[in-house]
Amino acid sequence: MFRRKSKRLRENNAELNITAFMNLMVVLVPFLLITAVFSQVSILNLNLPTGVSEEIPNEEEPPKALEVVIRKDKFDVLERNSGLLKRIESTADGYDYVGLNEFLQQVKANPEFNTDTGVTLLMEMDTEYDTLVQTMDAVRLIVREERELDEYGNVIQGELFPNISMGDAPPETPSSKQGGKQ
């Protein structure tokens, strides 16, 4: 009896059939490649604070520096040395990016700022990422209702302040809540 069982075990060496698995892979790989989402990534150079500030030893008037403070319900556009230029309150739909862009176009037309390319975005800690990105777009590009196209059909956009630095917003003081000159 013992011999018969051992003969049967030796004779039943079955081959592994992977044909069905290979057919599945042949179908799944192209399907996964077709349905994969390919996203376009663009890189925007930012100047982040280093944590160490250097004082300017010159007795000259410090250069003009434009700042946009993102508060939870408004934008404050400041000139670092002279103070608040304009407060842009939020609308019922949210932040007024168009109003910010229009005011920055007026600032860019001013002879004091027409050669400047830099702006500092100062934001509160709970600022949403989408708000930051839309503010950066409003600060960098001129938004026009008429779309001008180049010879290839691409939209031509002008630049306002493409060099963006980022930092933390100073706490809002009672005097800054009431507003300055507008």
Protein backbone atom coordinates (compact mmCIF):
# COMPACT_ATOMS: atom_id res chain seq x y z
CA MET A 1 0.00 0.00 0.00
CA PHE A 2 2.71 2.40 0.79
CA ARG A 3 4.28 2.05 -2.59
CA ARG A 4 1.16 2.91 -4.50
CA LYS A 5 0.73 6.27 -2.76
CA SER A 6 4.28 7.32 -3.37
CA LYS A 7 4.02 6.43 -7.06
CA ARG A 8 0.92 8.56 -7.41
CA LEU A 9 2.58 11.57 -5.79
CA ARG A 10 5.55 11.29 -8.11
CA GLU A 11 3.41 10.99 -11.21
CA ASN A 12 1.19 14.04 -10.45
CA ASN A 13 3.71 16.79 -11.16
CA ALA A 14 1.34 19.34 -12.67
CA GLU A 15 2.53 22.37 -14.62
CA LEU A 16 1.50 25.82 -13.46
CA ASN A 17 -0.84 27.42 -16.00
CA ILE A 18 -0.32 31.21 -15.97
CA THR A 19 -2.03 31.92 -19.28
CA ALA A 20 -5.08 33.46 -17.62
CA PHE A 21 -2.89 35.69 -15.43
CA MET A 22 -0.86 36.86 -18.45
CA ASN A 23 -4.07 37.69 -20.33
CA LEU A 24 -5.22 39.74 -17.36
CA MET A 25 -1.93 41.68 -17.28
CA VAL A 26 -2.08 42.33 -21.03
CA VAL A 27 -5.50 43.94 -20.57
CA LEU A 28 -4.81 45.79 -17.27
CA VAL A 29 -1.51 47.50 -18.13
CA PRO A 30 -2.82 49.49 -21.16
CA PHE A 31 -6.04 50.27 -19.29
CA LEU A 32 -4.12 51.71 -16.32
CA LEU A 33 -1.84 53.73 -18.61
CA ILE A 34 -4.79 55.20 -20.50
CA THR A 35 -6.72 56.16 -17.37
CA ALA A 36 -3.75 57.62 -15.50
CA VAL A 37 -4.06 61.33 -14.82
CA PHE A 38 -1.13 63.29 -16.11
CA SER A 39 -0.89 66.65 -14.39
CA GLN A 40 1.03 69.64 -15.60
CA VAL A 41 3.42 70.98 -13.02
CA SER A 42 4.72 74.51 -13.25
CA ILE A 43 7.45 75.94 -11.07
CA LEU A 44 7.23 79.43 -9.65
CA ASN A 45 10.37 80.87 -8.07
CA LEU A 46 9.72 82.38 -4.66
CA ASN A 47 11.98 84.33 -2.34
CA LEU A 48 11.42 82.95 1.13
CA PRO A 49 12.68 84.74 4.25
CA THR A 50 15.95 83.43 5.66
CA GLY A 51 15.19 84.36 9.25
CA VAL A 52 18.16 86.73 9.48
CA SER A 53 17.54 90.36 8.66
CA GLU A 54 20.29 92.74 7.73
CA GLU A 55 20.04 96.39 8.60
CA ILE A 56 20.85 98.93 5.94
CA PRO A 57 23.62 101.12 7.34
CA ASN A 58 22.98 103.91 4.80
CA GLU A 59 21.26 107.08 5.88
CA GLU A 60 19.45 107.18 2.55
CA GLU A 61 15.74 106.69 2.32
CA PRO A 62 15.06 102.96 2.13
CA PRO A 63 13.80 101.70 -1.22
CA LYS A 64 10.11 101.40 -1.89
CA ALA A 65 8.75 97.94 -1.13
CA LEU A 66 5.23 96.80 -1.90
CA GLU A 67 3.47 94.37 0.45
CA VAL A 68 0.12 92.62 0.20
CA VAL A 69 -1.23 91.30 3.52
CA ILE A 70 -3.80 88.50 3.22
CA ARG A 71 -6.24 88.72 6.12
CA LYS A 72 -9.19 86.39 6.62
CA ASP A 73 -11.66 88.86 5.13
CA LYS A 74 -9.63 91.44 3.19
CA PHE A 75 -6.40 92.43 1.46
CA ASP A 76 -4.21 95.24 2.79
CA VAL A 77 -1.88 96.75 0.19
CA LEU A 78 1.01 98.48 1.93
CA GLU A 79 4.16 100.33 1.10
CA ARG A 80 6.66 99.14 3.69
CA ASN A 81 7.87 102.62 4.68
CA SER A 82 4.76 104.77 4.33
CA GLY A 83 2.01 102.36 5.41
CA LEU A 84 -1.38 101.35 4.10
CA LEU A 85 -2.12 102.27 0.49
CA LYS A 86 -5.51 100.61 0.19
CA ARG A 87 -7.71 98.09 1.97
CA ILE A 88 -9.65 95.81 -0.37
CA GLU A 89 -12.58 94.26 1.47
CA SER A 90 -13.92 90.83 0.51
CA THR A 91 -17.13 90.56 -1.47
CA ALA A 92 -20.02 88.19 -0.82
CA ASP A 93 -18.29 85.66 -3.13
CA GLY A 94 -15.01 85.82 -1.21
CA TYR A 95 -11.77 87.69 -1.78
CA ASP A 96 -11.81 90.46 -4.40
CA TYR A 97 -8.94 89.30 -6.63
CA VAL A 98 -10.09 91.50 -9.52
CA GLY A 99 -10.10 94.58 -7.29
CA LEU A 100 -6.62 93.70 -6.04
CA ASN A 101 -5.36 93.24 -9.58
CA GLU A 102 -6.89 96.54 -10.74
CA PHE A 103 -5.37 98.46 -7.82
CA LEU A 104 -1.94 96.89 -8.43
CA GLN A 105 -2.18 97.96 -12.07
CA GLN A 106 -2.70 101.54 -10.83
CA VAL A 107 0.28 101.15 -8.48
CA LYS A 108 2.42 99.81 -11.34
CA ALA A 109 1.49 102.88 -13.41
CA ASN A 110 2.90 105.10 -10.63
CA PRO A 111 6.47 106.26 -11.47
CA GLU A 112 7.70 105.11 -8.04
CA PHE A 113 6.74 101.50 -8.75
CA ASN A 114 6.82 101.14 -12.54
CA THR A 115 10.30 99.57 -12.55
CA ASP A 116 9.69 97.37 -9.49
CA THR A 117 9.11 93.69 -10.11
CA GLY A 118 8.95 92.49 -6.51
CA VAL A 119 6.14 92.21 -4.00
CA THR A 120 5.93 90.56 -0.60
CA LEU A 121 2.88 88.47 0.29
CA LEU A 122 2.28 88.37 4.03
CA MET A 123 -0.38 85.92 5.13
CA GLU A 124 -2.03 84.87 8.34
CA MET A 125 -1.40 81.35 9.60
CA ASP A 126 -4.84 79.99 8.64
CA THR A 127 -4.71 81.20 5.03
CA GLU A 128 -5.92 78.52 2.61
CA TYR A 129 -3.60 77.30 -0.14
CA ASP A 130 -6.10 78.14 -2.89
CA THR A 131 -6.32 81.72 -1.59
CA LEU A 132 -2.54 82.00 -1.70
CA VAL A 133 -2.34 80.71 -5.29
CA GLN A 134 -5.11 83.01 -6.55
CA THR A 135 -3.51 85.99 -4.80
CA MET A 136 -0.17 85.15 -6.40
CA ASP A 137 -1.87 85.07 -9.81
CA ALA A 138 -3.59 88.42 -9.14
CA VAL A 139 -0.26 89.97 -8.11
CA ARG A 140 1.83 88.52 -10.96
CA LEU A 141 -0.34 88.92 -14.05
CA ILE A 142 -2.46 91.64 -15.61
CA VAL A 143 -6.01 90.37 -15.97
CA ARG A 144 -7.69 91.71 -19.09
CA GLU A 145 -11.23 91.18 -20.24
CA GLU A 146 -10.12 91.29 -23.88
CA ARG A 147 -7.93 88.35 -24.73
CA GLU A 148 -5.02 89.11 -27.03
CA LEU A 149 -3.59 86.11 -28.84
CA ASP A 150 -0.11 85.67 -30.25
CA GLU A 151 0.65 84.03 -33.59
CA TYR A 152 0.30 80.54 -32.07
CA GLY A 153 -3.06 81.21 -30.42
CA ASN A 154 -1.69 81.57 -26.88
CA VAL A 155 -3.13 84.26 -24.60
CA ILE A 156 -0.73 87.18 -24.12
CA GLN A 157 -0.56 88.26 -20.49
CA GLY A 158 1.28 91.19 -19.00
CA GLU A 159 3.29 91.04 -15.79
CA LEU A 160 2.79 93.21 -12.73
CA PHE A 161 5.05 92.01 -9.94
CA PRO A 162 6.45 88.57 -10.90
CA ASN A 163 9.10 88.36 -8.13
CA ILE A 164 7.12 87.20 -5.12
CA SER A 165 8.46 86.90 -1.58
CA MET A 166 6.43 85.35 1.20
CA GLY A 167 6.20 85.77 4.94
CA ASP A 168 3.93 85.86 7.97
CA ALA A 169 1.47 88.70 8.36
CA PRO A 170 1.92 90.97 11.37
CA PRO A 171 -0.90 90.81 13.89
CA GLU A 172 -3.74 93.18 13.16
CA THR A 173 -3.70 96.17 15.50
CA PRO A 174 -6.78 98.26 16.40
CA SER A 175 -5.45 101.20 14.38
CA SER A 176 -4.95 99.01 11.31
CA LYS A 177 -8.48 97.58 11.64
CA GLN A 178 -9.95 101.03 11.10
CA GLY A 179 -7.80 101.63 8.04
CA GLY A 180 -5.36 104.25 6.98
CA LYS A 181 -5.26 106.40 3.91
CA GLN A 182 -7.08 104.97 0.91
